[in-house]
N, C-alpha and C. Protein backbone atom coordinates (compact mmCIF):
# COMPACT_ATOMS: atom_id res chain seq x y z
N MET A 1 0.81 -1.13 0.10
CA MET A 1 -0.27 -0.14 -0.10
C MET A 1 0.87 1.48 -0.08
N ASN A 2 0.30 2.26 -0.87
CA ASN A 2 1.33 3.14 -1.25
C ASN A 2 0.85 4.11 -0.04
N LEU A 3 1.61 5.28 0.24
CA LEU A 3 1.51 6.57 1.18
C LEU A 3 -0.19 6.94 0.71
N SER A 4 -0.62 7.37 -0.16
CA SER A 4 -2.01 7.86 -0.44
C SER A 4 -2.82 7.14 -0.13
N GLU A 5 -2.64 5.96 -0.58
CA GLU A 5 -3.68 5.01 -0.06
C GLU A 5 -3.59 4.95 1.49
N ASN A 6 -2.66 4.72 1.97
CA ASN A 6 -2.73 4.86 3.21
C ASN A 6 -3.36 5.85 4.18
N LYS A 7 -3.24 7.13 3.23
CA LYS A 7 -3.93 8.12 3.89
C LYS A 7 -5.21 8.39 3.78
N LEU A 8 -5.69 7.84 2.50
CA LEU A 8 -6.75 7.81 2.30
C LEU A 8 -7.54 6.71 3.62
N LYS A 9 -7.46 5.69 3.67
CA LYS A 9 -7.66 4.71 4.46
C LYS A 9 -7.70 5.44 5.49
N LEU A 10 -6.83 6.11 6.30
CA LEU A 10 -6.91 6.87 7.68
C LEU A 10 -7.93 7.61 7.52
N LYS A 11 -8.00 8.82 6.64
CA LYS A 11 -8.99 9.61 6.78
C LYS A 11 -10.65 8.78 6.58
N ARG A 12 -10.44 7.84 5.90
CA ARG A 12 -11.83 7.51 5.82
C ARG A 12 -12.25 6.69 7.58
N ALA A 13 -11.51 6.18 8.25
CA ALA A 13 -11.60 5.71 9.35
C ALA A 13 -12.18 6.50 10.10
N PHE A 14 -10.86 7.88 10.17
CA PHE A 14 -11.53 9.03 11.05
C PHE A 14 -12.70 9.46 10.98
N TYR A 15 -13.20 9.96 9.46
CA TYR A 15 -14.03 10.25 9.30
C TYR A 15 -15.93 9.42 9.62
N LYS A 16 -15.59 7.65 9.84
CA LYS A 16 -16.47 6.93 10.36
C LYS A 16 -16.46 7.37 11.79
N SER A 17 -15.49 7.11 12.38
CA SER A 17 -15.53 7.68 13.99
C SER A 17 -16.15 8.84 14.02
N LEU A 18 -16.24 9.77 13.50
CA LEU A 18 -16.51 11.09 13.80
C LEU A 18 -18.16 10.99 13.87
N TYR A 19 -18.66 10.64 12.45
CA TYR A 19 -19.78 10.32 11.78
C TYR A 19 -20.91 9.48 13.11
N LEU A 20 -20.27 8.21 13.17
CA LEU A 20 -21.27 7.44 13.67
C LEU A 20 -21.20 8.23 15.35
N VAL A 21 -20.31 8.65 15.85
CA VAL A 21 -20.41 9.24 16.96
C VAL A 21 -21.50 10.55 17.24
N GLN A 22 -21.11 11.43 15.87
CA GLN A 22 -21.80 12.54 15.90
C GLN A 22 -22.91 12.44 15.75
N TYR A 23 -23.30 11.63 14.90
CA TYR A 23 -25.02 11.30 14.29
C TYR A 23 -25.58 9.83 14.91
N LYS A 24 -25.98 10.34 16.51
CA LYS A 24 -26.91 9.56 17.28
C LYS A 24 -28.12 9.31 16.87
N GLU A 25 -28.85 10.18 16.14
CA GLU A 25 -30.23 9.93 15.51
C GLU A 25 -30.10 8.62 14.80
N HIS A 26 -31.36 7.61 15.28
CA HIS A 26 -31.51 6.39 14.27
C HIS A 26 -30.26 5.63 14.25
N PRO A 27 -29.16 5.59 14.94
CA PRO A 27 -28.19 4.81 14.82
C PRO A 27 -27.97 3.44 13.90
N PRO A 28 -29.17 2.76 13.74
CA PRO A 28 -28.97 1.84 12.47
C PRO A 28 -28.85 2.30 11.34
N TYR A 29 -29.92 3.51 11.15
CA TYR A 29 -29.54 4.27 9.67
C TYR A 29 -28.49 4.61 9.76
N ALA A 30 -28.06 5.14 10.27
CA ALA A 30 -26.45 5.83 10.15
C ALA A 30 -25.68 4.85 9.93
N TYR A 31 -25.53 3.89 10.56
CA TYR A 31 -24.32 2.71 9.99
C TYR A 31 -25.16 2.31 8.92
N MET A 32 -26.17 1.65 8.53
CA MET A 32 -26.37 1.31 7.05
C MET A 32 -26.00 2.10 6.11
N MET A 33 -26.19 3.45 6.30
CA MET A 33 -26.10 4.88 5.14
C MET A 33 -24.58 4.65 5.03
N TYR A 34 -24.27 5.17 5.75
CA TYR A 34 -22.66 5.00 5.92
C TYR A 34 -22.07 3.92 5.27
N GLN A 35 -22.19 2.30 5.55
CA GLN A 35 -21.85 1.43 4.89
C GLN A 35 -21.86 1.26 3.18
N ALA A 36 -23.46 1.55 2.97
CA ALA A 36 -23.54 1.74 1.80
C ALA A 36 -22.78 2.88 1.13
N THR A 37 -22.50 3.80 1.93
CA THR A 37 -21.74 4.61 1.12
C THR A 37 -20.00 4.60 0.69
N GLN A 38 -19.73 3.57 2.10
CA GLN A 38 -18.51 3.48 1.70
C GLN A 38 -17.98 2.29 0.30
N GLN A 39 -19.02 1.54 0.26
CA GLN A 39 -19.36 0.42 -0.55
C GLN A 39 -19.19 1.63 -2.15
N ALA A 40 -20.17 2.61 -2.50
CA ALA A 40 -20.26 3.22 -3.31
C ALA A 40 -19.24 3.79 -3.78
N LEU A 41 -18.44 4.21 -2.58
CA LEU A 41 -17.45 5.04 -2.99
C LEU A 41 -16.06 4.26 -3.62
N ALA A 42 -15.87 2.94 -2.90
CA ALA A 42 -15.10 2.01 -3.34
C ALA A 42 -15.38 1.84 -5.09
N LEU A 43 -16.75 2.03 -5.39
CA LEU A 43 -16.99 1.36 -6.87
C LEU A 43 -16.91 2.59 -7.45
N GLY A 44 -16.88 3.75 -7.34
CA GLY A 44 -16.69 4.59 -7.84
C GLY A 44 -18.36 5.10 -8.33
N ILE A 45 -18.99 4.98 -7.43
CA ILE A 45 -20.80 5.26 -7.82
C ILE A 45 -20.67 6.40 -7.02
N LYS A 46 -21.41 7.87 -7.54
CA LYS A 46 -21.46 9.10 -6.45
C LYS A 46 -22.83 9.10 -6.69
N LYS A 47 -23.84 8.40 -6.91
CA LYS A 47 -24.96 8.85 -6.12
C LYS A 47 -25.97 7.31 -5.95
N ILE A 48 -26.44 7.40 -4.45
CA ILE A 48 -26.85 5.94 -4.19
C ILE A 48 -28.22 6.25 -3.86
N SER A 49 -28.99 5.22 -3.89
CA SER A 49 -30.45 5.25 -3.58
C SER A 49 -30.74 4.43 -1.90
N VAL A 50 -31.72 5.04 -1.05
CA VAL A 50 -31.99 4.62 0.12
C VAL A 50 -33.34 4.34 0.17
N ILE A 51 -33.95 3.13 0.46
CA ILE A 51 -35.24 2.96 0.85
C ILE A 51 -35.81 3.17 2.52
N GLU A 52 -36.90 3.26 2.79
CA GLU A 52 -37.90 3.05 3.66
C GLU A 52 -38.91 2.44 3.23
N PHE A 53 -39.08 1.09 3.95
CA PHE A 53 -40.64 0.42 3.63
C PHE A 53 -41.40 0.31 4.93
N GLY A 54 -42.18 1.47 5.20
CA GLY A 54 -42.96 1.99 6.57
C GLY A 54 -42.83 3.09 6.98
N VAL A 55 -43.20 3.90 6.37
CA VAL A 55 -43.08 5.68 6.93
C VAL A 55 -43.71 6.00 8.16
N ALA A 56 -44.90 5.86 8.04
CA ALA A 56 -45.84 5.91 9.12
C ALA A 56 -45.76 7.71 9.20
N GLY A 57 -45.42 8.02 10.58
CA GLY A 57 -45.42 9.46 10.79
C GLY A 57 -44.27 10.32 10.33
N GLY A 58 -42.75 9.12 9.86
CA GLY A 58 -42.04 9.80 8.94
C GLY A 58 -40.77 10.53 9.53
N ASN A 59 -40.88 10.23 10.62
CA ASN A 59 -39.56 10.45 11.44
C ASN A 59 -38.26 9.91 11.05
N SER A 60 -38.47 8.78 10.83
CA SER A 60 -36.99 8.19 10.12
C SER A 60 -36.63 8.53 8.93
N LEU A 61 -37.85 8.81 8.08
CA LEU A 61 -37.52 9.43 6.39
C LEU A 61 -36.78 10.52 7.20
N VAL A 62 -37.11 11.26 7.87
CA VAL A 62 -36.54 12.87 7.67
C VAL A 62 -35.30 12.61 8.67
N SER A 63 -34.80 11.72 9.18
CA SER A 63 -33.59 10.87 10.22
C SER A 63 -32.52 10.85 8.92
N MET A 64 -33.48 9.84 8.02
CA MET A 64 -32.47 9.53 6.77
C MET A 64 -31.62 10.64 5.96
N GLU A 65 -32.99 11.79 5.86
CA GLU A 65 -32.01 12.82 4.97
C GLU A 65 -31.39 13.65 5.86
N LYS A 66 -31.51 13.51 7.09
CA LYS A 66 -30.45 14.49 7.53
C LYS A 66 -28.99 13.31 8.01
N HIS A 67 -29.36 12.14 7.64
CA HIS A 67 -28.01 11.57 7.46
C HIS A 67 -27.31 11.43 6.16
N ALA A 68 -27.93 11.73 4.95
CA ALA A 68 -27.61 12.00 3.84
C ALA A 68 -27.17 13.01 3.67
N LEU A 69 -27.51 14.58 4.14
CA LEU A 69 -27.07 15.55 4.04
C LEU A 69 -25.53 15.75 4.69
N ALA A 70 -25.55 15.00 6.07
CA ALA A 70 -24.26 14.57 7.14
C ALA A 70 -23.10 14.44 5.77
N LEU A 71 -23.67 13.02 5.54
CA LEU A 71 -22.76 12.59 4.69
C LEU A 71 -21.92 12.62 3.70
N SER A 72 -23.11 13.42 2.91
CA SER A 72 -22.44 14.37 1.40
C SER A 72 -21.96 15.45 1.86
N GLU A 73 -21.73 15.84 3.02
CA GLU A 73 -20.65 16.93 3.45
C GLU A 73 -19.59 16.11 3.67
N ILE A 74 -19.28 15.30 3.88
CA ILE A 74 -17.80 14.31 4.08
C ILE A 74 -17.32 13.51 3.07
N PHE A 75 -18.44 12.92 2.29
CA PHE A 75 -18.15 12.12 0.82
C PHE A 75 -18.29 12.63 -0.18
N ASP A 76 -17.88 12.90 -1.24
CA ASP A 76 -18.41 13.10 -2.31
C ASP A 76 -19.09 12.15 -2.99
N ILE A 77 -20.82 12.33 -2.64
CA ILE A 77 -21.88 11.34 -2.82
C ILE A 77 -23.32 12.26 -2.95
N GLU A 78 -23.87 11.69 -3.76
CA GLU A 78 -25.12 12.10 -3.58
C GLU A 78 -26.46 11.16 -3.00
N TYR A 79 -27.69 11.11 -2.59
CA TYR A 79 -28.47 10.16 -1.81
C TYR A 79 -29.89 10.19 -2.65
N GLU A 80 -30.36 9.33 -3.07
CA GLU A 80 -32.19 9.72 -3.49
C GLU A 80 -32.95 8.66 -1.88
N ILE A 81 -34.00 9.61 -1.73
CA ILE A 81 -34.47 8.76 -0.69
C ILE A 81 -35.85 8.45 -0.52
N TYR A 82 -36.02 7.33 -0.63
CA TYR A 82 -38.23 6.69 -1.18
C TYR A 82 -37.97 5.83 -0.26
N GLY A 83 -39.33 6.70 0.27
CA GLY A 83 -40.03 6.10 1.57
C GLY A 83 -41.61 5.53 0.88
N PHE A 84 -41.70 4.38 1.37
CA PHE A 84 -42.74 3.59 0.74
C PHE A 84 -43.91 3.26 2.03
N ASP A 85 -45.02 3.64 1.21
CA ASP A 85 -46.50 3.74 2.86
C ASP A 85 -47.62 3.76 1.98
N THR A 86 -48.46 3.23 2.78
CA THR A 86 -49.69 3.07 2.23
C THR A 86 -50.87 4.25 2.34
N ALA A 87 -49.94 5.27 3.25
CA ALA A 87 -50.67 6.49 3.96
C ALA A 87 -52.04 6.57 4.67
N GLU A 88 -52.39 5.14 4.81
CA GLU A 88 -53.58 4.76 5.30
C GLU A 88 -53.23 3.88 6.99
N GLY A 89 -52.29 3.72 6.94
CA GLY A 89 -51.80 2.55 8.12
C GLY A 89 -51.69 1.76 7.67
N LEU A 90 -51.34 0.40 8.73
CA LEU A 90 -51.32 -1.10 8.27
C LEU A 90 -52.39 -1.33 7.25
N PRO A 91 -52.08 -2.31 6.07
CA PRO A 91 -53.30 -2.71 5.04
C PRO A 91 -54.08 -3.96 5.99
N GLU A 92 -54.56 -4.44 5.06
CA GLU A 92 -55.74 -5.60 5.61
C GLU A 92 -54.52 -6.87 5.91
N LEU A 93 -54.59 -7.51 7.14
CA LEU A 93 -53.90 -8.51 7.88
C LEU A 93 -54.17 -9.74 6.99
N GLU A 94 -53.26 -10.91 6.81
CA GLU A 94 -53.58 -12.02 5.70
C GLU A 94 -54.04 -13.29 6.37
N GLY A 95 -53.68 -13.00 7.75
CA GLY A 95 -53.62 -14.10 8.73
C GLY A 95 -52.77 -14.04 9.81
N TYR A 96 -52.31 -15.05 10.42
CA TYR A 96 -51.89 -15.31 12.04
C TYR A 96 -50.39 -14.91 11.67
N LYS A 97 -49.76 -15.05 10.42
CA LYS A 97 -48.40 -14.44 10.82
C LYS A 97 -48.06 -13.20 10.44
N ASP A 98 -48.84 -12.48 10.16
CA ASP A 98 -49.36 -11.05 10.54
C ASP A 98 -49.55 -10.50 12.16
N ILE A 99 -49.45 -11.35 12.96
CA ILE A 99 -49.39 -11.13 14.49
C ILE A 99 -50.75 -10.27 14.73
N MET A 100 -52.10 -11.06 14.23
CA MET A 100 -53.41 -10.55 14.54
C MET A 100 -53.72 -9.82 16.06
N HIS A 101 -53.36 -10.49 16.87
CA HIS A 101 -53.50 -10.14 18.13
C HIS A 101 -52.51 -8.80 18.49
N GLN A 102 -51.90 -8.57 17.75
CA GLN A 102 -51.18 -7.24 17.95
C GLN A 102 -50.99 -6.14 17.30
N TRP A 103 -51.57 -6.37 15.95
CA TRP A 103 -51.82 -5.63 15.02
C TRP A 103 -53.22 -5.15 14.14
N GLN A 104 -53.63 -4.02 13.91
CA GLN A 104 -54.66 -3.93 13.28
C GLN A 104 -54.76 -3.25 12.05
N GLU A 105 -55.55 -3.63 10.88
CA GLU A 105 -55.77 -2.58 10.02
C GLU A 105 -55.80 -1.35 10.23
N GLY A 106 -55.15 -0.43 9.43
CA GLY A 106 -55.30 1.12 9.90
C GLY A 106 -54.08 1.53 10.86
N HIS A 107 -53.52 1.04 11.86
CA HIS A 107 -52.90 1.17 12.47
C HIS A 107 -51.64 1.95 11.95
N PHE A 108 -50.94 2.88 12.53
CA PHE A 108 -50.12 3.73 11.82
C PHE A 108 -50.13 4.42 10.57
N PRO A 109 -51.37 5.21 10.74
CA PRO A 109 -51.39 6.20 9.42
C PRO A 109 -50.60 7.40 9.52
N MET A 110 -50.48 7.80 8.21
CA MET A 110 -49.74 9.38 7.88
C MET A 110 -50.72 10.12 7.38
N ASP A 111 -50.15 11.43 8.14
CA ASP A 111 -50.65 12.65 7.94
C ASP A 111 -49.80 13.21 6.58
N LEU A 112 -50.47 13.07 5.54
CA LEU A 112 -49.57 13.12 4.16
C LEU A 112 -49.00 14.18 3.53
N GLU A 113 -49.76 15.23 4.64
CA GLU A 113 -49.55 17.17 4.31
C GLU A 113 -48.62 17.55 5.27
N LYS A 114 -48.61 16.79 6.31
CA LYS A 114 -48.03 17.41 7.40
C LYS A 114 -46.68 16.93 7.46
N LEU A 115 -46.27 15.52 6.51
CA LEU A 115 -44.87 14.95 6.74
C LEU A 115 -44.36 15.50 5.40
N LYS A 116 -45.20 16.26 4.06
CA LYS A 116 -44.33 16.60 3.23
C LYS A 116 -44.06 18.06 3.67
N SER A 117 -44.71 18.74 4.39
CA SER A 117 -44.07 19.87 5.07
C SER A 117 -42.63 19.77 5.39
N ARG A 118 -42.51 18.44 6.33
CA ARG A 118 -41.48 18.43 7.09
C ARG A 118 -40.36 17.56 6.23
N LEU A 119 -40.39 17.51 4.95
CA LEU A 119 -39.26 16.52 4.15
C LEU A 119 -38.63 17.72 2.63
N GLN A 120 -37.53 17.18 3.16
CA GLN A 120 -36.44 18.03 2.00
C GLN A 120 -36.56 17.73 0.62
N PHE A 121 -35.73 16.42 0.59
CA PHE A 121 -36.22 15.56 -0.70
C PHE A 121 -36.26 14.31 -1.14
N ALA A 122 -36.91 13.74 0.29
CA ALA A 122 -37.26 12.50 0.09
C ALA A 122 -38.44 12.25 -1.37
N ASN A 123 -38.45 11.23 -1.52
CA ASN A 123 -39.87 10.71 -2.37
C ASN A 123 -40.76 9.71 -1.73
N LEU A 124 -41.92 10.13 -1.65
CA LEU A 124 -42.68 9.52 -1.24
C LEU A 124 -43.58 8.58 -2.02
N VAL A 125 -43.45 7.59 -2.05
CA VAL A 125 -44.37 5.94 -2.76
C VAL A 125 -45.43 5.53 -2.27
N ILE A 126 -46.79 6.15 -2.51
CA ILE A 126 -47.53 6.12 -1.74
C ILE A 126 -48.69 4.67 -2.43
N GLY A 127 -48.80 4.15 -1.62
CA GLY A 127 -49.58 2.49 -2.08
C GLY A 127 -49.30 1.49 -1.11
N ASN A 128 -49.95 0.38 -1.43
CA ASN A 128 -49.63 -0.81 -0.80
C ASN A 128 -48.18 -1.32 -1.69
N VAL A 129 -47.30 -2.22 -0.83
CA VAL A 129 -46.09 -2.10 -1.51
C VAL A 129 -46.25 -3.30 -2.35
N LYS A 130 -47.47 -4.10 -2.80
CA LYS A 130 -47.66 -5.16 -3.18
C LYS A 130 -47.88 -4.49 -4.72
N THR A 131 -48.19 -3.43 -4.77
CA THR A 131 -48.60 -2.80 -6.06
C THR A 131 -47.66 -1.74 -6.54
N THR A 132 -46.57 -1.04 -5.64
CA THR A 132 -45.56 -0.17 -5.96
C THR A 132 -44.64 -0.71 -6.49
N ILE A 133 -43.89 -2.00 -5.78
CA ILE A 133 -42.80 -2.41 -5.94
C ILE A 133 -42.73 -2.48 -7.42
N PRO A 134 -43.72 -3.18 -8.12
CA PRO A 134 -43.63 -3.77 -9.73
C PRO A 134 -43.04 -2.67 -10.50
N ASN A 135 -43.80 -1.40 -10.45
CA ASN A 135 -43.21 -0.30 -10.96
C ASN A 135 -42.40 0.52 -10.57
N PHE A 136 -41.67 0.28 -9.51
CA PHE A 136 -40.87 1.66 -9.00
C PHE A 136 -39.33 1.55 -9.65
N ILE A 137 -38.89 0.76 -10.14
CA ILE A 137 -37.73 1.10 -11.26
C ILE A 137 -37.85 1.58 -12.67
N GLU A 138 -39.34 1.45 -13.08
CA GLU A 138 -40.04 2.17 -14.69
C GLU A 138 -39.98 3.59 -13.55
N ALA A 139 -40.86 4.13 -12.59
CA ALA A 139 -41.60 5.13 -12.40
C ALA A 139 -40.58 6.02 -12.21
N TYR A 140 -39.25 5.67 -11.05
CA TYR A 140 -38.65 6.44 -10.54
C TYR A 140 -37.34 6.29 -11.14
N SER A 141 -36.91 5.77 -11.84
CA SER A 141 -35.16 4.90 -12.54
C SER A 141 -34.27 5.79 -11.45
N PRO A 142 -34.33 5.05 -10.45
CA PRO A 142 -33.57 5.10 -9.25
C PRO A 142 -32.31 5.09 -9.20
N ALA A 143 -30.89 5.69 -8.13
CA ALA A 143 -29.80 5.19 -8.75
C ALA A 143 -29.94 4.22 -7.67
N PRO A 144 -28.38 3.52 -7.78
CA PRO A 144 -28.45 2.01 -7.55
C PRO A 144 -28.60 1.95 -5.92
N ILE A 145 -29.75 1.48 -5.24
CA ILE A 145 -30.39 0.70 -4.36
C ILE A 145 -28.59 0.46 -3.21
N GLY A 146 -28.54 1.14 -1.95
CA GLY A 146 -27.42 0.86 -1.27
C GLY A 146 -28.14 0.35 0.49
N ALA A 147 -29.34 1.03 0.65
CA ALA A 147 -29.57 0.82 2.26
C ALA A 147 -31.02 0.35 1.89
N ILE A 148 -31.23 -0.29 2.86
CA ILE A 148 -33.27 -0.69 2.47
C ILE A 148 -33.69 -0.73 4.41
N SER A 149 -34.43 0.16 4.73
CA SER A 149 -34.95 -0.33 6.33
C SER A 149 -36.28 -0.89 6.01
N PHE A 150 -36.55 -2.08 6.54
CA PHE A 150 -38.12 -2.76 6.56
C PHE A 150 -38.73 -2.66 7.89
N ASP A 151 -40.02 -1.82 7.50
CA ASP A 151 -40.38 -1.29 9.31
C ASP A 151 -41.98 -1.45 8.80
N VAL A 152 -42.39 -2.31 8.48
CA VAL A 152 -43.75 -2.81 7.71
C VAL A 152 -44.69 -3.44 8.64
N ASP A 153 -44.31 -4.09 9.53
CA ASP A 153 -44.49 -4.64 10.60
C ASP A 153 -45.28 -6.05 10.42
N LEU A 154 -45.83 -5.97 9.37
CA LEU A 154 -46.79 -7.08 9.33
C LEU A 154 -45.79 -8.37 8.20
N TYR A 155 -46.05 -9.70 8.51
CA TYR A 155 -45.09 -10.39 7.85
C TYR A 155 -45.68 -10.13 6.15
N SER A 156 -46.56 -10.30 6.17
CA SER A 156 -47.14 -10.09 4.50
C SER A 156 -46.46 -9.08 4.12
N SER A 157 -46.11 -7.70 4.80
CA SER A 157 -46.17 -6.60 3.84
C SER A 157 -44.19 -7.17 3.85
N THR A 158 -43.73 -7.17 4.63
CA THR A 158 -42.38 -7.92 4.65
C THR A 158 -42.22 -8.50 3.27
N ARG A 159 -43.05 -9.74 3.36
CA ARG A 159 -42.60 -10.69 2.29
C ARG A 159 -43.08 -9.56 0.81
N ASP A 160 -43.73 -9.06 0.67
CA ASP A 160 -44.00 -8.08 -0.16
C ASP A 160 -43.32 -7.35 -0.31
N ALA A 161 -42.68 -6.15 0.32
CA ALA A 161 -41.62 -5.63 0.53
C ALA A 161 -40.11 -6.11 0.23
N LEU A 162 -40.06 -7.49 0.10
CA LEU A 162 -38.59 -7.95 -0.25
C LEU A 162 -38.64 -8.40 -1.55
N LYS A 163 -39.53 -8.27 -2.23
CA LYS A 163 -39.57 -8.04 -3.99
C LYS A 163 -39.23 -7.01 -4.42
N ILE A 164 -38.74 -6.56 -3.61
CA ILE A 164 -37.84 -5.28 -4.51
C ILE A 164 -36.36 -5.77 -4.87
N PHE A 165 -35.51 -6.85 -4.10
CA PHE A 165 -34.72 -7.42 -4.88
C PHE A 165 -34.75 -8.00 -6.10
N ASP A 166 -36.05 -8.72 -6.15
CA ASP A 166 -36.17 -8.99 -7.28
C ASP A 166 -36.92 -8.17 -8.56
N VAL A 167 -36.89 -7.01 -8.18
CA VAL A 167 -37.39 -6.24 -9.22
C VAL A 167 -36.56 -5.15 -9.53
N ALA A 168 -35.58 -5.01 -8.34
CA ALA A 168 -34.43 -4.20 -8.85
C ALA A 168 -33.16 -4.11 -9.70
N GLY A 169 -32.93 -5.86 -9.25
CA GLY A 169 -31.64 -6.23 -10.68
C GLY A 169 -30.22 -5.30 -10.14
N ASP A 170 -30.45 -4.94 -11.71
CA ASP A 170 -28.95 -4.20 -11.84
C ASP A 170 -29.02 -2.62 -10.99
N HIS A 171 -29.94 -2.33 -10.26
CA HIS A 171 -30.18 -0.84 -9.59
C HIS A 171 -30.00 -1.10 -8.00
N MET A 172 -28.95 -2.37 -7.68
CA MET A 172 -28.74 -1.96 -6.49
C MET A 172 -26.89 -2.48 -6.35
N LEU A 173 -26.73 -2.09 -5.23
CA LEU A 173 -25.00 -2.12 -5.33
C LEU A 173 -24.87 -3.66 -4.80
N PRO A 174 -23.93 -4.21 -4.99
CA PRO A 174 -23.22 -5.86 -5.07
C PRO A 174 -23.82 -6.30 -3.58
N ARG A 175 -23.72 -5.41 -2.51
CA ARG A 175 -24.11 -5.63 -1.24
C ARG A 175 -25.31 -4.70 -0.69
N VAL A 176 -26.56 -4.65 -0.33
CA VAL A 176 -27.86 -3.58 -0.36
C VAL A 176 -27.48 -3.96 1.41
N ARG A 177 -27.44 -2.89 2.51
CA ARG A 177 -27.71 -2.90 3.40
C ARG A 177 -28.86 -2.68 4.15
N CYS A 178 -29.11 -3.83 5.07
CA CYS A 178 -30.72 -3.72 5.38
C CYS A 178 -30.86 -3.87 6.98
N TYR A 179 -32.14 -3.41 7.42
CA TYR A 179 -32.56 -3.06 8.83
C TYR A 179 -33.93 -3.37 9.18
N PHE A 180 -33.80 -4.45 9.67
CA PHE A 180 -35.54 -4.79 9.75
C PHE A 180 -35.92 -4.49 11.29
N ASP A 181 -37.08 -3.78 11.64
CA ASP A 181 -37.33 -3.33 12.81
C ASP A 181 -38.49 -4.44 13.46
N ASP A 182 -38.62 -4.34 14.41
CA ASP A 182 -39.43 -5.33 15.26
C ASP A 182 -39.11 -6.79 14.42
N VAL A 183 -38.25 -7.46 14.92
CA VAL A 183 -38.12 -8.23 14.47
C VAL A 183 -37.94 -9.62 15.44
N VAL A 184 -37.97 -9.07 17.08
CA VAL A 184 -38.02 -9.96 18.01
C VAL A 184 -39.14 -9.72 18.94
N GLY A 185 -40.50 -8.96 18.27
CA GLY A 185 -41.62 -8.78 19.33
C GLY A 185 -41.47 -6.94 19.63
N THR A 186 -42.40 -6.95 20.85
CA THR A 186 -42.51 -5.45 21.04
C THR A 186 -41.18 -5.40 22.33
């Protein structure tokens, strides 16, 4: 390793520690977005997409925007952020795997206008993921997907959201960082 490569490695290590200490808001998002950024930079990719399945009130989506802005200042990279949600709360439950004793149709509705006023640049993809994912690539032509948060609560919605990997094909980084919320219960 030559001197300039070593300096770059040390610089990235410094910025990683600085970033992860400084941005404590939604740490799993900070981590997955940082890791996706490093992969993209290593591949010479200057713009990536980050997705959240299950937006609800939008706090996490707003946090993703903050992380994207902070990372853009540190590294020479841009972000597209997409938030998938029905805007009407949880869809109709499909059976016992959707934990019917805990969740109900309509839980976590979105105040769409309020959320839009809080967002700077994230794109909302409104509708059931079962119907929005098949057309997502054609409709939005996203930069390569580098990180995805799955927070749809239901088995059926998670199953349908995972179809992004079938649909996205060449529109993904070789390794997509994923975060799954609510995997151990309440």
